[in-house]
Amino acid sequence: MHEVSLAGGVIRLVEDALAREPRVRVKRVVLAVGALAGVEVRALRFALDALAPGSVLAGAAIELDEVAGQAWCLNCAANVPIHSRLDDCPQCGGRWLQPNGGTELSVRELIVEDLPDAPDASAHQEPASCASSAAVTSVH
């Protein structure tokens, strides 16, 4: 089950992104998981849920968006949907397909919020509900 290794890689990727912004926490992360990426989505979900506590993803919403497989058929010159790399072309029955979509595993969105400032009696503090958000998209 290589999904545990993939989940660890996602956490390291997010840690690297947060190293540039140390005063933020992850609110939500959205992953794009292609149907042809060789990733078992349920196993990846389990691995992320198991590794998130105690990591930068602790308390964050983790969403997995499944991306359908697509391929270019060299026989009929059409872009067609496929579910497996072993599928035949649904239009002409040809077997010469070049996958061109649904092969990715990527971070589509990384939503963070500012951490509250340390209490300081001399400065006015904004309520926690005014935390700002930022998005990093398509981090690979």
Protein backbone atom coordinates (compact mmCIF):
# COMPACT_ATOMS: atom_id res chain seq x y z
CA MET A 1 0.00 0.00 0.00
CA HIS A 2 2.02 2.95 -1.31
CA GLU A 3 -0.78 5.36 -0.38
CA VAL A 4 0.78 5.81 3.09
CA SER A 5 3.97 7.00 1.39
CA LEU A 6 1.93 9.30 -0.86
CA ALA A 7 0.09 10.74 2.16
CA GLY A 8 3.45 11.39 3.85
CA GLY A 9 4.60 13.15 0.69
CA VAL A 10 1.52 15.37 0.69
CA ILE A 11 2.21 16.32 4.31
CA ARG A 12 5.86 17.14 3.50
CA LEU A 13 4.73 19.23 0.52
CA VAL A 14 2.36 21.23 2.74
CA GLU A 15 5.08 21.60 5.41
CA ASP A 16 7.42 23.02 2.76
CA ALA A 17 4.73 25.49 1.62
CA LEU A 18 4.07 26.58 5.21
CA ALA A 19 7.78 27.09 5.91
CA ARG A 20 7.49 30.33 3.93
CA GLU A 21 4.49 31.43 6.05
CA PRO A 22 5.15 30.31 9.64
CA ARG A 23 2.20 32.18 11.21
CA VAL A 24 -0.55 30.26 9.42
CA ARG A 25 -2.38 26.97 9.81
CA VAL A 26 -4.00 24.78 7.21
CA LYS A 27 -7.75 25.15 7.04
CA ARG A 28 -8.42 22.99 3.96
CA VAL A 29 -6.45 21.02 1.40
CA VAL A 30 -7.92 19.68 -1.85
CA LEU A 31 -6.13 16.94 -3.76
CA ALA A 32 -6.82 15.97 -7.37
CA VAL A 33 -6.56 12.18 -7.76
CA GLY A 34 -6.68 10.90 -11.31
CA ALA A 35 -8.49 7.67 -12.13
CA LEU A 36 -5.36 6.54 -14.01
CA ALA A 37 -2.85 7.63 -11.35
CA GLY A 38 -2.59 4.17 -9.79
CA VAL A 39 -3.86 5.46 -6.44
CA GLU A 40 -6.56 3.73 -4.42
CA VAL A 41 -8.63 6.71 -3.24
CA ARG A 42 -10.05 4.97 -0.15
CA ALA A 43 -6.58 3.86 0.94
CA LEU A 44 -5.21 7.40 0.43
CA ARG A 45 -8.11 8.82 2.49
CA PHE A 46 -7.35 6.31 5.27
CA ALA A 47 -3.63 7.14 5.20
CA LEU A 48 -4.24 10.91 5.29
CA ASP A 49 -6.71 10.54 8.16
CA ALA A 50 -4.19 8.40 10.05
CA LEU A 51 -1.20 10.71 9.50
CA ALA A 52 -2.94 14.11 9.82
CA PRO A 53 -3.15 14.27 13.65
CA GLY A 54 0.09 15.76 14.95
CA SER A 55 1.02 17.11 11.51
CA VAL A 56 0.39 20.40 9.68
CA LEU A 57 -2.89 18.87 8.48
CA ALA A 58 -4.23 18.39 12.02
CA GLY A 59 -7.74 19.82 12.14
CA ALA A 60 -7.79 20.64 8.43
CA ALA A 61 -10.53 19.56 6.05
CA ILE A 62 -9.03 17.16 3.51
CA GLU A 63 -10.90 16.76 0.21
CA LEU A 64 -10.07 14.27 -2.52
CA ASP A 65 -11.42 15.17 -5.96
CA GLU A 66 -11.41 12.25 -8.36
CA VAL A 67 -10.46 13.20 -11.92
CA ALA A 68 -11.85 11.04 -14.74
CA GLY A 69 -9.49 9.29 -17.13
CA GLN A 70 -9.15 10.59 -20.70
CA ALA A 71 -7.14 9.32 -23.63
CA TRP A 72 -6.41 10.20 -27.25
CA CYS A 73 -7.28 7.37 -29.63
CA LEU A 74 -4.66 7.07 -32.36
CA ASN A 75 -7.05 5.03 -34.52
CA CYS A 76 -10.03 7.38 -34.69
CA ALA A 77 -8.29 10.62 -33.59
CA ALA A 78 -10.74 11.31 -30.76
CA ASN A 79 -10.35 12.26 -27.13
CA VAL A 80 -12.32 9.62 -25.21
CA PRO A 81 -13.15 8.82 -21.58
CA ILE A 82 -11.54 5.69 -20.12
CA HIS A 83 -11.65 4.03 -16.72
CA SER A 84 -8.47 1.97 -17.01
CA ARG A 85 -5.27 2.10 -19.03
CA LEU A 86 -6.32 -1.27 -20.46
CA ASP A 87 -9.62 0.02 -21.90
CA ASP A 88 -10.33 -0.08 -25.62
CA CYS A 89 -11.56 3.04 -27.38
CA PRO A 90 -15.29 3.34 -26.67
CA GLN A 91 -15.84 4.87 -30.16
CA CYS A 92 -13.93 2.61 -32.52
CA GLY A 93 -12.75 -0.30 -30.36
CA GLY A 94 -9.11 0.55 -31.07
CA ARG A 95 -6.37 -0.30 -28.59
CA TRP A 96 -3.95 2.51 -29.39
CA LEU A 97 -4.83 4.95 -26.63
CA GLN A 98 -2.56 7.62 -25.18
CA PRO A 99 -3.75 8.75 -21.70
CA ASN A 100 -3.93 12.55 -21.50
CA GLY A 101 -6.06 13.17 -18.42
CA GLY A 102 -6.70 11.61 -15.05
CA THR A 103 -3.07 10.62 -14.48
CA GLU A 104 -2.33 13.25 -11.83
CA LEU A 105 -2.03 13.31 -8.07
CA SER A 106 -1.66 16.95 -7.12
CA VAL A 107 -2.53 19.52 -4.51
CA ARG A 108 -5.26 21.56 -6.19
CA GLU A 109 -5.90 23.97 -3.30
CA LEU A 110 -4.23 24.80 -0.01
CA ILE A 111 -6.31 27.14 2.11
CA VAL A 112 -4.65 28.61 5.18
CA GLU A 113 -5.66 31.04 7.89
CA ASP A 114 -3.56 33.35 10.02
CA LEU A 115 -2.78 32.21 13.53
CA PRO A 116 -3.99 34.58 16.22
CA ASP A 117 -1.34 36.94 17.56
CA ALA A 118 0.04 36.38 21.04
CA PRO A 119 -1.91 38.38 23.65
CA ASP A 120 -0.45 41.85 24.10
CA ALA A 121 -2.08 44.27 26.55
CA SER A 122 -0.85 47.33 24.64
CA ALA A 123 -2.21 46.31 21.21
CA HIS A 124 -5.75 45.90 20.00
CA GLN A 125 -6.55 42.33 18.96
CA GLU A 126 -9.05 41.53 16.24
CA PRO A 127 -11.55 38.76 16.97
CA ALA A 128 -10.62 35.27 15.76
CA SER A 129 -13.51 35.38 13.30
CA CYS A 130 -11.59 37.97 11.25
CA ALA A 131 -8.81 35.55 10.28
CA SER A 132 -7.76 35.93 6.67
CA SER A 133 -7.44 33.11 4.16
CA ALA A 134 -5.07 32.55 1.28
CA ALA A 135 -5.02 29.90 -1.43
CA VAL A 136 -2.14 28.15 -3.13
CA THR A 137 -3.32 26.28 -6.20
CA SER A 138 -1.79 23.47 -8.20
CA VAL A 139 1.20 22.84 -5.97
CA HIS A 140 2.99 19.81 -7.44
